[in-house]
Structures are given as C-alpha cells and as structure tokens.
Amino acid sequence: MADKVVHFEIAGQDPKGLQKFYTDLFGWKVDADNPMDYGMVDPSTAGIAGGISPSPDGTSHVTVYIEVDDLDAALKMAEKLGGKKINDPMEVPGGPMLAHFADPAGNFIGLVKSGSMA
C-alpha cells in the first residue's frame, strides 16, 4: 500500500486570522484552545486532519505530512532521489514522531511515523 497524506499545516504570521479565514471559507471546525495557538482542524470537516498555526520562522507556508513506517528510510530515499533532509526524526512533545525534507523543487514536506498521530 502506498504511503498516504494524513495531515496538513497552514502557517502564517496571523494564525487567528487564518483560522477565521478557513472557518468562514470552508466551514472547517478549528480548535486553537492550547498554549501554542495551534488550530487543530477537525478532519470530519476538512477531509483529513490539519493544523493552522503561527509560522515558526515568520514565513507563510503549507506543508503536507505523509505517513511512513520508517522515517529514516524515507529521508534516505528522498535524498537518493534528489531531495534534501531538513531535520532528523524528532518527537513533538505529547505528539507524533516527525521529520522534514525538501523535494527537488524546494517544497517543504513533512513525514510522520505510522501510528504516532493521535
């Protein structure tokens, strides 16, 4: 079975404004009741789980997360195919195991370890 997109993130400098925009535009239910102001998008309203959040580096971006069995193997394969590893696998406190790479065009792509998403 092919690896699947299981999560998306939309990040920007005004997360509350983005959360309102997507709620008003698409009717998504967004819960940002947490200290990080990370708006969890209800997958029953958006099709898959997602998040609308502050941008860690101040740039606006969209990231898709693909669920894989082995983060290290996926990163190595991405590099073999012309991508570039952004970071080694890491655990989000209270959350999943993640890693990131850039594809050959420079797009930022996330990986999530199978079974680690809540």
PDB file of N, CA and C in Angstrom:
ATOM      1  N   MET A   1       0.847  -1.187   0.000  1.00  0.00           N
ATOM      2  CA  MET A   1       0.000   0.000   0.000  1.00  0.00           C
ATOM      3  C   MET A   1       0.887   1.242   0.000  1.00  0.00           C
ATOM      4  N   ALA A   2       0.517   2.227  -0.757  1.00  0.00           N
ATOM      5  CA  ALA A   2       1.267   3.481  -0.826  1.00  0.00           C
ATOM      6  C   ALA A   2       1.102   4.284   0.460  1.00  0.00           C
ATOM      7  N   ASP A   3       2.119   5.082   0.765  1.00  0.00           N
ATOM      8  CA  ASP A   3       2.034   5.971   1.920  1.00  0.00           C
ATOM      9  C   ASP A   3       1.027   7.072   1.617  1.00  0.00           C
ATOM     10  N   LYS A   4       0.297   7.521   2.645  1.00  0.00           N
ATOM     11  CA  LYS A   4      -0.816   8.450   2.450  1.00  0.00           C
ATOM     12  C   LYS A   4      -0.564   9.793   3.111  1.00  0.00           C
ATOM     13  N   VAL A   5      -1.148  10.831   2.535  1.00  0.00           N
ATOM     14  CA  VAL A   5      -1.176  12.138   3.183  1.00  0.00           C
ATOM     15  C   VAL A   5      -2.165  12.031   4.336  1.00  0.00           C
ATOM     16  N   VAL A   6      -1.702  12.365   5.556  1.00  0.00           N
ATOM     17  CA  VAL A   6      -2.551  12.210   6.737  1.00  0.00           C
ATOM     18  C   VAL A   6      -2.760  13.508   7.506  1.00  0.00           C
ATOM     19  N   HIS A   7      -2.029  14.551   7.141  1.00  0.00           N
ATOM     20  CA  HIS A   7      -2.120  15.801   7.903  1.00  0.00           C
ATOM     21  C   HIS A   7      -1.618  16.937   7.024  1.00  0.00           C
ATOM     22  N   PHE A   8      -2.144  18.117   7.257  1.00  0.00           N
ATOM     23  CA  PHE A   8      -1.634  19.310   6.580  1.00  0.00           C
ATOM     24  C   PHE A   8      -1.459  20.403   7.609  1.00  0.00           C
ATOM     25  N   GLU A   9      -0.604  21.362   7.301  1.00  0.00           N
ATOM     26  CA  GLU A   9      -0.442  22.552   8.129  1.00  0.00           C
ATOM     27  C   GLU A   9      -0.455  23.775   7.242  1.00  0.00           C
ATOM     28  N   ILE A  10      -1.126  24.786   7.714  1.00  0.00           N
ATOM     29  CA  ILE A  10      -1.124  26.096   7.075  1.00  0.00           C
ATOM     30  C   ILE A  10      -0.585  27.051   8.130  1.00  0.00           C
ATOM     31  N   ALA A  11       0.529  27.705   7.819  1.00  0.00           N
ATOM     32  CA  ALA A  11       1.178  28.568   8.809  1.00  0.00           C
ATOM     33  C   ALA A  11       1.336  29.978   8.259  1.00  0.00           C
ATOM     34  N   GLY A  12       1.242  30.939   9.166  1.00  0.00           N
ATOM     35  CA  GLY A  12       1.424  32.332   8.786  1.00  0.00           C
ATOM     36  C   GLY A  12       1.609  33.203  10.013  1.00  0.00           C
ATOM     37  N   GLN A  13       1.822  34.485   9.773  1.00  0.00           N
ATOM     38  CA  GLN A  13       2.088  35.420  10.858  1.00  0.00           C
ATOM     39  C   GLN A  13       0.849  35.746  11.679  1.00  0.00           C
ATOM     40  N   ASP A  14      -0.345  35.534  11.118  1.00  0.00           N
ATOM     41  CA  ASP A  14      -1.597  35.827  11.819  1.00  0.00           C
ATOM     42  C   ASP A  14      -2.438  34.553  11.906  1.00  0.00           C
ATOM     43  N   PRO A  15      -2.077  33.635  12.807  1.00  0.00           N
ATOM     44  CA  PRO A  15      -2.806  32.366  12.851  1.00  0.00           C
ATOM     45  C   PRO A  15      -4.290  32.525  13.159  1.00  0.00           C
ATOM     46  N   LYS A  16      -4.648  33.437  14.048  1.00  0.00           N
ATOM     47  CA  LYS A  16      -6.081  33.638  14.361  1.00  0.00           C
ATOM     48  C   LYS A  16      -6.838  34.085  13.105  1.00  0.00           C
ATOM     49  N   GLY A  17      -6.227  34.990  12.332  1.00  0.00           N
ATOM     50  CA  GLY A  17      -6.846  35.448  11.091  1.00  0.00           C
ATOM     51  C   GLY A  17      -6.987  34.319  10.078  1.00  0.00           C
ATOM     52  N   LEU A  18      -5.945  33.475   9.966  1.00  0.00           N
ATOM     53  CA  LEU A  18      -6.020  32.335   9.053  1.00  0.00           C
ATOM     54  C   LEU A  18      -7.070  31.328   9.511  1.00  0.00           C
ATOM     55  N   GLN A  19      -7.137  31.089  10.821  1.00  0.00           N
ATOM     56  CA  GLN A  19      -8.143  30.163  11.342  1.00  0.00           C
ATOM     57  C   GLN A  19      -9.551  30.654  11.009  1.00  0.00           C
ATOM     58  N   LYS A  20      -9.785  31.952  11.182  1.00  0.00           N
ATOM     59  CA  LYS A  20     -11.091  32.521  10.852  1.00  0.00           C
ATOM     60  C   LYS A  20     -11.362  32.441   9.354  1.00  0.00           C
ATOM     61  N   PHE A  21     -10.345  32.748   8.542  1.00  0.00           N
ATOM     62  CA  PHE A  21     -10.488  32.710   7.089  1.00  0.00           C
ATOM     63  C   PHE A  21     -10.960  31.331   6.633  1.00  0.00           C
ATOM     64  N   TYR A  22     -10.272  30.272   7.051  1.00  0.00           N
ATOM     65  CA  TYR A  22     -10.616  28.925   6.593  1.00  0.00           C
ATOM     66  C   TYR A  22     -11.924  28.424   7.205  1.00  0.00           C
ATOM     67  N   THR A  23     -12.223  28.851   8.420  1.00  0.00           N
ATOM     68  CA  THR A  23     -13.516  28.514   9.010  1.00  0.00           C
ATOM     69  C   THR A  23     -14.641  29.154   8.205  1.00  0.00           C
ATOM     70  N   ASP A  24     -14.492  30.446   7.894  1.00  0.00           N
ATOM     71  CA  ASP A  24     -15.520  31.160   7.137  1.00  0.00           C
ATOM     72  C   ASP A  24     -15.616  30.665   5.698  1.00  0.00           C
ATOM     73  N   LEU A  25     -14.473  30.373   5.080  1.00  0.00           N
ATOM     74  CA  LEU A  25     -14.458  29.969   3.678  1.00  0.00           C
ATOM     75  C   LEU A  25     -15.001  28.557   3.468  1.00  0.00           C
ATOM     76  N   PHE A  26     -14.535  27.610   4.275  1.00  0.00           N
ATOM     77  CA  PHE A  26     -14.862  26.205   4.039  1.00  0.00           C
ATOM     78  C   PHE A  26     -15.749  25.565   5.112  1.00  0.00           C
ATOM     79  N   GLY A  27     -16.017  26.284   6.202  1.00  0.00           N
ATOM     80  CA  GLY A  27     -16.819  25.704   7.275  1.00  0.00           C
ATOM     81  C   GLY A  27     -16.056  24.727   8.145  1.00  0.00           C
ATOM     82  N   TRP A  28     -14.708  24.793   8.106  1.00  0.00           N
ATOM     83  CA  TRP A  28     -13.904  23.901   8.935  1.00  0.00           C
ATOM     84  C   TRP A  28     -14.081  24.247  10.397  1.00  0.00           C
ATOM     85  N   LYS A  29     -14.090  23.242  11.249  1.00  0.00           N
ATOM     86  CA  LYS A  29     -14.070  23.443  12.697  1.00  0.00           C
ATOM     87  C   LYS A  29     -12.612  23.459  13.136  1.00  0.00           C
ATOM     88  N   VAL A  30     -12.205  24.536  13.812  1.00  0.00           N
ATOM     89  CA  VAL A  30     -10.821  24.710  14.234  1.00  0.00           C
ATOM     90  C   VAL A  30     -10.794  24.942  15.738  1.00  0.00           C
ATOM     91  N   ASP A  31     -10.003  24.156  16.446  1.00  0.00           N
ATOM     92  CA  ASP A  31      -9.857  24.290  17.891  1.00  0.00           C
ATOM     93  C   ASP A  31      -8.432  24.735  18.203  1.00  0.00           C
ATOM     94  N   ALA A  32      -8.282  25.989  18.620  1.00  0.00           N
ATOM     95  CA  ALA A  32      -6.960  26.539  18.954  1.00  0.00           C
ATOM     96  C   ALA A  32      -6.831  26.793  20.450  1.00  0.00           C
ATOM     97  N   ASP A  33      -7.592  26.053  21.245  1.00  0.00           N
ATOM     98  CA  ASP A  33      -7.561  26.241  22.694  1.00  0.00           C
ATOM     99  C   ASP A  33      -6.364  25.497  23.292  1.00  0.00           C
ATOM    100  N   ASN A  34      -5.177  26.056  23.062  1.00  0.00           N
ATOM    101  CA  ASN A  34      -3.936  25.478  23.590  1.00  0.00           C
ATOM    102  C   ASN A  34      -2.886  26.581  23.662  1.00  0.00           C
ATOM    103  N   PRO A  35      -1.856  26.406  24.464  1.00  0.00           N
ATOM    104  CA  PRO A  35      -0.863  27.468  24.656  1.00  0.00           C
ATOM    105  C   PRO A  35      -0.078  27.846  23.398  1.00  0.00           C
ATOM    106  N   MET A  36       0.013  26.943  22.423  1.00  0.00           N
ATOM    107  CA  MET A  36       0.776  27.233  21.212  1.00  0.00           C
ATOM    108  C   MET A  36      -0.063  27.920  20.143  1.00  0.00           C
ATOM    109  N   ASP A  37      -1.367  28.117  20.412  1.00  0.00           N
ATOM    110  CA  ASP A  37      -2.278  28.703  19.432  1.00  0.00           C
ATOM    111  C   ASP A  37      -2.312  27.895  18.139  1.00  0.00           C
ATOM    112  N   TYR A  38      -2.117  26.577  18.276  1.00  0.00           N
ATOM    113  CA  TYR A  38      -2.138  25.677  17.128  1.00  0.00           C
ATOM    114  C   TYR A  38      -3.579  25.263  16.887  1.00  0.00           C
ATOM    115  N   GLY A  39      -4.138  25.699  15.788  1.00  0.00           N
ATOM    116  CA  GLY A  39      -5.526  25.397  15.469  1.00  0.00           C
ATOM    117  C   GLY A  39      -5.672  24.027  14.851  1.00  0.00           C
ATOM    118  N   MET A  40      -6.170  23.076  15.638  1.00  0.00           N
ATOM    119  CA  MET A  40      -6.410  21.725  15.123  1.00  0.00           C
ATOM    120  C   MET A  40      -7.686  21.735  14.287  1.00  0.00           C
ATOM    121  N   VAL A  41      -7.551  21.324  13.028  1.00  0.00           N
ATOM    122  CA  VAL A  41      -8.684  21.281  12.109  1.00  0.00           C
ATOM    123  C   VAL A  41      -9.340  19.916  12.222  1.00  0.00           C
ATOM    124  N   ASP A  42     -10.629  19.910  12.504  1.00  0.00           N
ATOM    125  CA  ASP A  42     -11.396  18.681  12.648  1.00  0.00           C
ATOM    126  C   ASP A  42     -11.453  17.962  11.298  1.00  0.00           C
ATOM    127  N   PRO A  43     -10.922  16.726  11.224  1.00  0.00           N
ATOM    128  CA  PRO A  43     -10.904  16.028   9.940  1.00  0.00           C
ATOM    129  C   PRO A  43     -12.295  15.726   9.384  1.00  0.00           C
ATOM    130  N   SER A  44     -13.309  15.693  10.242  1.00  0.00           N
ATOM    131  CA  SER A  44     -14.659  15.449   9.720  1.00  0.00           C
ATOM    132  C   SER A  44     -15.166  16.638   8.907  1.00  0.00           C
ATOM    133  N   THR A  45     -14.519  17.807   9.087  1.00  0.00           N
ATOM    134  CA  THR A  45     -14.930  18.972   8.307  1.00  0.00           C
ATOM    135  C   THR A  45     -13.975  19.281   7.162  1.00  0.00           C
ATOM    136  N   ALA A  46     -12.726  18.785   7.207  1.00  0.00           N
ATOM    137  CA  ALA A  46     -11.736  19.117   6.187  1.00  0.00           C
ATOM    138  C   ALA A  46     -11.303  17.920   5.341  1.00  0.00           C
ATOM    139  N   GLY A  47     -11.752  16.726   5.669  1.00  0.00           N
ATOM    140  CA  GLY A  47     -11.367  15.551   4.904  1.00  0.00           C
ATOM    141  C   GLY A  47     -10.204  14.797   5.515  1.00  0.00           C
ATOM    142  N   ILE A  48      -9.178  15.506   5.992  1.00  0.00           N
ATOM    143  CA  ILE A  48      -8.078  14.918   6.748  1.00  0.00           C
ATOM    144  C   ILE A  48      -7.748  15.866   7.891  1.00  0.00           C
ATOM    145  N   ALA A  49      -6.985  15.378   8.854  1.00  0.00           N
ATOM    146  CA  ALA A  49      -6.585  16.219   9.980  1.00  0.00           C
ATOM    147  C   ALA A  49      -5.639  17.308   9.495  1.00  0.00           C
ATOM    148  N   GLY A  50      -5.682  18.440  10.177  1.00  0.00           N
ATOM    149  CA  GLY A  50      -4.800  19.531   9.805  1.00  0.00           C
ATOM    150  C   GLY A  50      -4.593  20.489  10.941  1.00  0.00           C
ATOM    151  N   GLY A  51      -3.768  21.463  10.684  1.00  0.00           N
ATOM    152  CA  GLY A  51      -3.492  22.490  11.664  1.00  0.00           C
ATOM    153  C   GLY A  51      -3.278  23.833  10.997  1.00  0.00           C
ATOM    154  N   ILE A  52      -3.704  24.879  11.688  1.00  0.00           N
ATOM    155  CA  ILE A  52      -3.483  26.255  11.228  1.00  0.00           C
ATOM    156  C   ILE A  52      -2.762  26.946  12.371  1.00  0.00           C
ATOM    157  N   SER A  53      -1.526  27.374  12.101  1.00  0.00           N
ATOM    158  CA  SER A  53      -0.655  27.755  13.197  1.00  0.00           C
ATOM    159  C   SER A  53       0.187  28.986  12.908  1.00  0.00           C
ATOM    160  N   PRO A  54       0.804  29.501  13.989  1.00  0.00           N
ATOM    161  CA  PRO A  54       1.806  30.534  13.792  1.00  0.00           C
ATOM    162  C   PRO A  54       2.991  29.942  13.023  1.00  0.00           C
ATOM    163  N   SER A  55       3.627  30.749  12.224  1.00  0.00           N
ATOM    164  CA  SER A  55       4.799  30.302  11.488  1.00  0.00           C
ATOM    165  C   SER A  55       6.024  30.395  12.383  1.00  0.00           C
ATOM    166  N   PRO A  56       6.781  29.295  12.520  1.00  0.00           N
ATOM    167  CA  PRO A  56       7.953  29.348  13.390  1.00  0.00           C
ATOM    168  C   PRO A  56       9.043  30.292  12.893  1.00  0.00           C
ATOM    169  N   ASP A  57       9.116  30.521  11.587  1.00  0.00           N
ATOM    170  CA  ASP A  57      10.172  31.386  11.060  1.00  0.00           C
ATOM    171  C   ASP A  57       9.634  32.668  10.426  1.00  0.00           C
ATOM    172  N   GLY A  58       8.338  32.935  10.585  1.00  0.00           N
ATOM    173  CA  GLY A  58       7.751  34.163  10.073  1.00  0.00           C
ATOM    174  C   GLY A  58       7.302  34.103   8.625  1.00  0.00           C
ATOM    175  N   THR A  59       7.572  32.989   7.933  1.00  0.00           N
ATOM    176  CA  THR A  59       7.137  32.870   6.545  1.00  0.00           C
ATOM    177  C   THR A  59       5.819  32.111   6.480  1.00  0.00           C
ATOM    178  N   SER A  60       5.033  32.409   5.483  1.00  0.00           N
ATOM    179  CA  SER A  60       3.787  31.681   5.261  1.00  0.00           C
ATOM    180  C   SER A  60       4.094  30.445   4.428  1.00  0.00           C
ATOM    181  N   HIS A  61       3.477  29.323   4.787  1.00  0.00           N
ATOM    182  CA  HIS A  61       3.696  28.103   4.019  1.00  0.00           C
ATOM    183  C   HIS A  61       2.599  27.085   4.294  1.00  0.00           C
ATOM    184  N   VAL A  62       2.501  26.131   3.396  1.00  0.00           N
ATOM    185  CA  VAL A  62       1.608  24.993   3.546  1.00  0.00           C
ATOM    186  C   VAL A  62       2.478  23.742   3.495  1.00  0.00           C
ATOM    187  N   THR A  63       2.252  22.825   4.412  1.00  0.00           N
ATOM    188  CA  THR A  63       3.010  21.576   4.467  1.00  0.00           C
ATOM    189  C   THR A  63       2.035  20.411   4.484  1.00  0.00           C
ATOM    190  N   VAL A  64       2.328  19.387   3.710  1.00  0.00           N
ATOM    191  CA  VAL A  64       1.575  18.137   3.812  1.00  0.00           C
ATOM    192  C   VAL A  64       2.456  17.126   4.529  1.00  0.00           C
ATOM    193  N   TYR A  65       1.821  16.258   5.301  1.00  0.00           N
ATOM    194  CA  TYR A  65       2.527  15.216   6.038  1.00  0.00           C
ATOM    195  C   TYR A  65       2.110  13.863   5.498  1.00  0.00           C
ATOM    196  N   ILE A  66       3.111  13.057   5.154  1.00  0.00           N
ATOM    197  CA  ILE A  66       2.877  11.720   4.644  1.00  0.00           C
ATOM    198  C   ILE A  66       3.257  10.721   5.731  1.00  0.00           C
ATOM    199  N   GLU A  67       2.383   9.774   5.983  1.00  0.00           N
ATOM    200  CA  GLU A  67       2.629   8.758   6.997  1.00  0.00           C
ATOM    201  C   GLU A  67       3.490   7.640   6.399  1.00  0.00           C
ATOM    202  N   VAL A  68       4.610   7.334   7.078  1.00  0.00           N
ATOM    203  CA  VAL A  68       5.522   6.287   6.622  1.00  0.00           C
ATOM    204  C   VAL A  68       5.877   5.382   7.804  1.00  0.00           C
ATOM    205  N   ASP A  69       6.281   4.160   7.501  1.00  0.00           N
ATOM    206  CA  ASP A  69       6.669   3.215   8.544  1.00  0.00           C
ATOM    207  C   ASP A  69       8.021   3.561   9.153  1.00  0.00           C
ATOM    208  N   ASP A  70       8.954   4.064   8.338  1.00  0.00           N
ATOM    209  CA  ASP A  70      10.331   4.280   8.780  1.00  0.00           C
ATOM    210  C   ASP A  70      10.789   5.673   8.346  1.00  0.00           C
ATOM    211  N   LEU A  71      10.864   6.597   9.296  1.00  0.00           N
ATOM    212  CA  LEU A  71      11.247   7.976   8.971  1.00  0.00           C
ATOM    213  C   LEU A  71      12.651   8.055   8.381  1.00  0.00           C
ATOM    214  N   ASP A  72      13.605   7.352   8.988  1.00  0.00           N
ATOM    215  CA  ASP A  72      14.987   7.401   8.492  1.00  0.00           C
ATOM    216  C   ASP A  72      15.089   6.870   7.062  1.00  0.00           C
ATOM    217  N   ALA A  73      14.432   5.760   6.791  1.00  0.00           N
ATOM    218  CA  ALA A  73      14.468   5.181   5.442  1.00  0.00           C
ATOM    219  C   ALA A  73      13.838   6.126   4.421  1.00  0.00           C
ATOM    220  N   ALA A  74      12.734   6.774   4.798  1.00  0.00           N
ATOM    221  CA  ALA A  74      12.078   7.711   3.873  1.00  0.00           C
ATOM    222  C   ALA A  74      12.977   8.918   3.604  1.00  0.00           C
ATOM    223  N   LEU A  75      13.656   9.425   4.640  1.00  0.00           N
ATOM    224  CA  LEU A  75      14.581  10.548   4.444  1.00  0.00           C
ATOM    225  C   LEU A  75      15.734  10.147   3.525  1.00  0.00           C
ATOM    226  N   LYS A  76      16.287   8.960   3.731  1.00  0.00           N
ATOM    227  CA  LYS A  76      17.386   8.488   2.882  1.00  0.00           C
ATOM    228  C   LYS A  76      16.928   8.344   1.436  1.00  0.00           C
ATOM    229  N   MET A  77      15.733   7.819   1.226  1.00  0.00           N
ATOM    230  CA  MET A  77      15.212   7.665  -0.133  1.00  0.00           C
ATOM    231  C   MET A  77      14.975   9.032  -0.774  1.00  0.00           C
ATOM    232  N   ALA A  78      14.446   9.972   0.006  1.00  0.00           N
ATOM    233  CA  ALA A  78      14.233  11.325  -0.532  1.00  0.00           C
ATOM    234  C   ALA A  78      15.561  11.926  -1.003  1.00  0.00           C
ATOM    235  N   GLU A  79      16.611  11.754  -0.191  1.00  0.00           N
ATOM    236  CA  GLU A  79      17.926  12.280  -0.584  1.00  0.00           C
ATOM    237  C   GLU A  79      18.462  11.558  -1.814  1.00  0.00           C
ATOM    238  N   LYS A  80      18.283  10.261  -1.883  1.00  0.00           N
ATOM    239  CA  LYS A  80      18.750   9.482  -3.037  1.00  0.00           C
ATOM    240  C   LYS A  80      18.072   9.960  -4.320  1.00  0.00           C
ATOM    241  N   LEU A  81      16.810  10.395  -4.189  1.00  0.00           N
ATOM    242  CA  LEU A  81      16.041  10.831  -5.354  1.00  0.00           C
ATOM    243  C   LEU A  81      16.200  12.319  -5.660  1.00  0.00           C
ATOM    244  N   GLY A  82      17.092  13.011  -4.934  1.00  0.00           N
ATOM    245  CA  GLY A  82      17.358  14.416  -5.231  1.00  0.00           C
ATOM    246  C   GLY A  82      16.794  15.404  -4.243  1.00  0.00           C
ATOM    247  N   GLY A  83      16.166  14.917  -3.178  1.00  0.00           N
ATOM    248  CA  GLY A  83      15.653  15.803  -2.136  1.00  0.00           C
ATOM    249  C   GLY A  83      16.741  16.129  -1.129  1.00  0.00           C
ATOM    250  N   LYS A  84      16.385  16.914  -0.118  1.00  0.00           N
ATOM    251  CA  LYS A  84      17.344  17.312   0.916  1.00  0.00           C
ATOM    252  C   LYS A  84      16.686  17.184   2.284  1.00  0.00           C
ATOM    253  N   LYS A  85      17.342  16.460   3.190  1.00  0.00           N
ATOM    254  CA  LYS A  85      16.821  16.318   4.551  1.00  0.00           C
ATOM    255  C   LYS A  85      16.859  17.676   5.240  1.00  0.00           C
ATOM    256  N   ILE A  86      15.759  18.049   5.876  1.00  0.00           N
ATOM    257  CA  ILE A  86      15.694  19.291   6.651  1.00  0.00           C
ATOM    258  C   ILE A  86      16.046  18.994   8.110  1.00  0.00           C
ATOM    259  N   ASN A  87      15.460  17.943   8.669  1.00  0.00           N
ATOM    260  CA  ASN A  87      15.776  17.577  10.048  1.00  0.00           C
ATOM    261  C   ASN A  87      15.623  16.086  10.265  1.00  0.00           C
ATOM    262  N   ASP A  88      16.382  15.581  11.251  1.00  0.00           N
ATOM    263  CA  ASP A  88      16.271  14.187  11.660  1.00  0.00           C
ATOM    264  C   ASP A  88      14.923  13.969  12.343  1.00  0.00           C
ATOM    265  N   PRO A  89      14.497  12.713  12.467  1.00  0.00           N
ATOM    266  CA  PRO A  89      13.254  12.435  13.189  1.00  0.00           C
ATOM    267  C   PRO A  89      13.283  13.018  14.601  1.00  0.00           C
ATOM    268  N   MET A  90      12.154  13.572  14.996  1.00  0.00           N
ATOM    269  CA  MET A  90      12.024  14.188  16.315  1.00  0.00           C
ATOM    270  C   MET A  90      10.625  13.927  16.833  1.00  0.00           C
ATOM    271  N   GLU A  91      10.492  13.904  18.151  1.00  0.00           N
ATOM    272  CA  GLU A  91       9.176  13.716  18.747  1.00  0.00           C
ATOM    273  C   GLU A  91       8.630  15.064  19.170  1.00  0.00           C
ATOM    274  N   VAL A  92       7.419  15.370  18.748  1.00  0.00           N
ATOM    275  CA  VAL A  92       6.729  16.569  19.194  1.00  0.00           C
ATOM    276  C   VAL A  92       6.231  16.274  20.605  1.00  0.00           C
ATOM    277  N   PRO A  93       6.495  17.135  21.594  1.00  0.00           N
ATOM    278  CA  PRO A  93       6.034  16.855  22.958  1.00  0.00           C
ATOM    279  C   PRO A  93       4.527  16.553  22.984  1.00  0.00           C
ATOM    280  N   GLY A  94       4.195  15.377  23.449  1.00  0.00           N
ATOM    281  CA  GLY A  94       2.799  14.948  23.505  1.00  0.00           C
ATOM    282  C   GLY A  94       2.211  14.614  22.146  1.00  0.00           C
ATOM    283  N   GLY A  95       3.049  14.546  21.127  1.00  0.00           N
ATOM    284  CA  GLY A  95       2.543  14.327  19.776  1.00  0.00           C
ATOM    285  C   GLY A  95       3.314  13.266  19.021  1.00  0.00           C
ATOM    286  N   PRO A  96       3.280  13.358  17.702  1.00  0.00           N
ATOM    287  CA  PRO A  96       3.855  12.306  16.858  1.00  0.00           C
ATOM    288  C   PRO A  96       5.365  12.460  16.638  1.00  0.00           C
ATOM    289  N   MET A  97       5.948  11.440  16.031  1.00  0.00           N
ATOM    290  CA  MET A  97       7.324  11.476  15.546  1.00  0.00           C
ATOM    291  C   MET A  97       7.286  12.064  14.137  1.00  0.00           C
ATOM    292  N   LEU A  98       8.094  13.113  13.907  1.00  0.00           N
ATOM    293  CA  LEU A  98       8.100  13.820  12.628  1.00  0.00           C
ATOM    294  C   LEU A  98       9.502  13.956  12.070  1.00  0.00           C
ATOM    295  N   ALA A  99       9.585  14.173  10.771  1.00  0.00           N
ATOM    296  CA  ALA A  99      10.811  14.572  10.089  1.00  0.00           C
ATOM    297  C   ALA A  99      10.381  15.404   8.884  1.00  0.00           C
ATOM    298  N   HIS A 100      11.321  16.156   8.328  1.00  0.00           N
ATOM    299  CA  HIS A 100      11.005  17.014   7.182  1.00  0.00           C
ATOM    300  C   HIS A 100      12.110  16.939   6.141  1.00  0.00           C
ATOM    301  N   PHE A 101      11.721  17.118   4.879  1.00  0.00           N
ATOM    302  CA  PHE A 101      12.692  17.199   3.799  1.00  0.00           C
ATOM    303  C   PHE A 101      12.188  18.202   2.770  1.00  0.00           C
ATOM    304  N   ALA A 102      13.091  18.628   1.893  1.00  0.00           N
ATOM    305  CA  ALA A 102      12.710  19.453   0.742  1.00  0.00           C
ATOM    306  C   ALA A 102      12.771  18.557  -0.489  1.00  0.00           C
ATOM    307  N   ASP A 103      11.759  18.639  -1.337  1.00  0.00           N
ATOM    308  CA  ASP A 103      11.794  17.862  -2.572  1.00  0.00           C
ATOM    309  C   ASP A 103      12.747  18.545  -3.557  1.00  0.00           C
ATOM    310  N   PRO A 104      12.992  17.967  -4.734  1.00  0.00           N
ATOM    311  CA  PRO A 104      13.939  18.584  -5.663  1.00  0.00           C
ATOM    312  C   PRO A 104      13.573  20.011  -6.100  1.00  0.00           C
ATOM    313  N   ALA A 105      12.295  20.372  -5.993  1.00  0.00           N
ATOM    314  CA  ALA A 105      11.869  21.731  -6.338  1.00  0.00           C
ATOM    315  C   ALA A 105      11.950  22.680  -5.149  1.00  0.00           C
ATOM    316  N   GLY A 106      12.333  22.166  -3.976  1.00  0.00           N
ATOM    317  CA  GLY A 106      12.445  23.000  -2.782  1.00  0.00           C
ATOM    318  C   GLY A 106      11.211  23.037  -1.913  1.00  0.00           C
ATOM    319  N   ASN A 107      10.171  22.262  -2.247  1.00  0.00           N
ATOM    320  CA  ASN A 107       8.961  22.227  -1.429  1.00  0.00           C
ATOM    321  C   ASN A 107       9.238  21.531  -0.107  1.00  0.00           C
ATOM    322  N   PHE A 108       8.739  22.103   0.980  1.00  0.00           N
ATOM    323  CA  PHE A 108       8.908  21.580   2.332  1.00  0.00           C
ATOM    324  C   PHE A 108       7.853  20.510   2.563  1.00  0.00           C
ATOM    325  N   ILE A 109       8.283  19.287   2.861  1.00  0.00           N
ATOM    326  CA  ILE A 109       7.379  18.151   3.014  1.00  0.00           C
ATOM    327  C   ILE A 109       7.603  17.525   4.383  1.00  0.00           C
ATOM    328  N   GLY A 110       6.519  17.146   5.060  1.00  0.00           N
ATOM    329  CA  GLY A 110       6.621  16.503   6.352  1.00  0.00           C
ATOM    330  C   GLY A 110       6.378  15.007   6.263  1.00  0.00           C
ATOM    331  N   LEU A 111       7.049  14.293   7.144  1.00  0.00           N
ATOM    332  CA  LEU A 111       6.835  12.860   7.309  1.00  0.00           C
ATOM    333  C   LEU A 111       6.374  12.613   8.736  1.00  0.00           C
ATOM    334  N   VAL A 112       5.476  11.686   8.919  1.00  0.00           N
ATOM    335  CA  VAL A 112       5.012  11.302  10.254  1.00  0.00           C
ATOM    336  C   VAL A 112       5.097   9.787  10.363  1.00  0.00           C
ATOM    337  N   LYS A 113       5.604   9.311  11.505  1.00  0.00           N
ATOM    338  CA  LYS A 113       5.755   7.873  11.702  1.00  0.00           C
ATOM    339  C   LYS A 113       4.391   7.217  11.839  1.00  0.00           C
ATOM    340  N   SER A 114       4.198   6.135  11.129  1.00  0.00           N
ATOM    341  CA  SER A 114       2.946   5.380  11.202  1.00  0.00           C
ATOM    342  C   SER A 114       2.606   5.078  12.641  1.00  0.00           C
ATOM    343  N   GLY A 115       1.359   5.317  13.003  1.00  0.00           N
ATOM    344  CA  GLY A 115       0.872   5.007  14.334  1.00  0.00           C
ATOM    345  C   GLY A 115       1.165   6.036  15.393  1.00  0.00           C
ATOM    346  N   SER A 116       1.870   7.136  15.048  1.00  0.00           N
ATOM    347  CA  SER A 116       2.218   8.104  16.097  1.00  0.00           C
ATOM    348  C   SER A 116       1.287   9.319  16.129  1.00  0.00           C
ATOM    349  N   MET A 117       0.366   9.414  15.175  1.00  0.00           N
ATOM    350  CA  MET A 117      -0.608  10.507  15.184  1.00  0.00           C
ATOM    351  C   MET A 117      -1.728  10.160  16.156  1.00  0.00           C
ATOM    352  N   ALA A 118      -2.143  11.143  16.933  1.00  0.00           N
ATOM    353  CA  ALA A 118      -3.228  10.917  17.890  1.00  0.00           C
ATOM    354  C   ALA A 118      -4.568  10.963  17.200  1.00  0.00           C
TER     355      ALA A 118
END
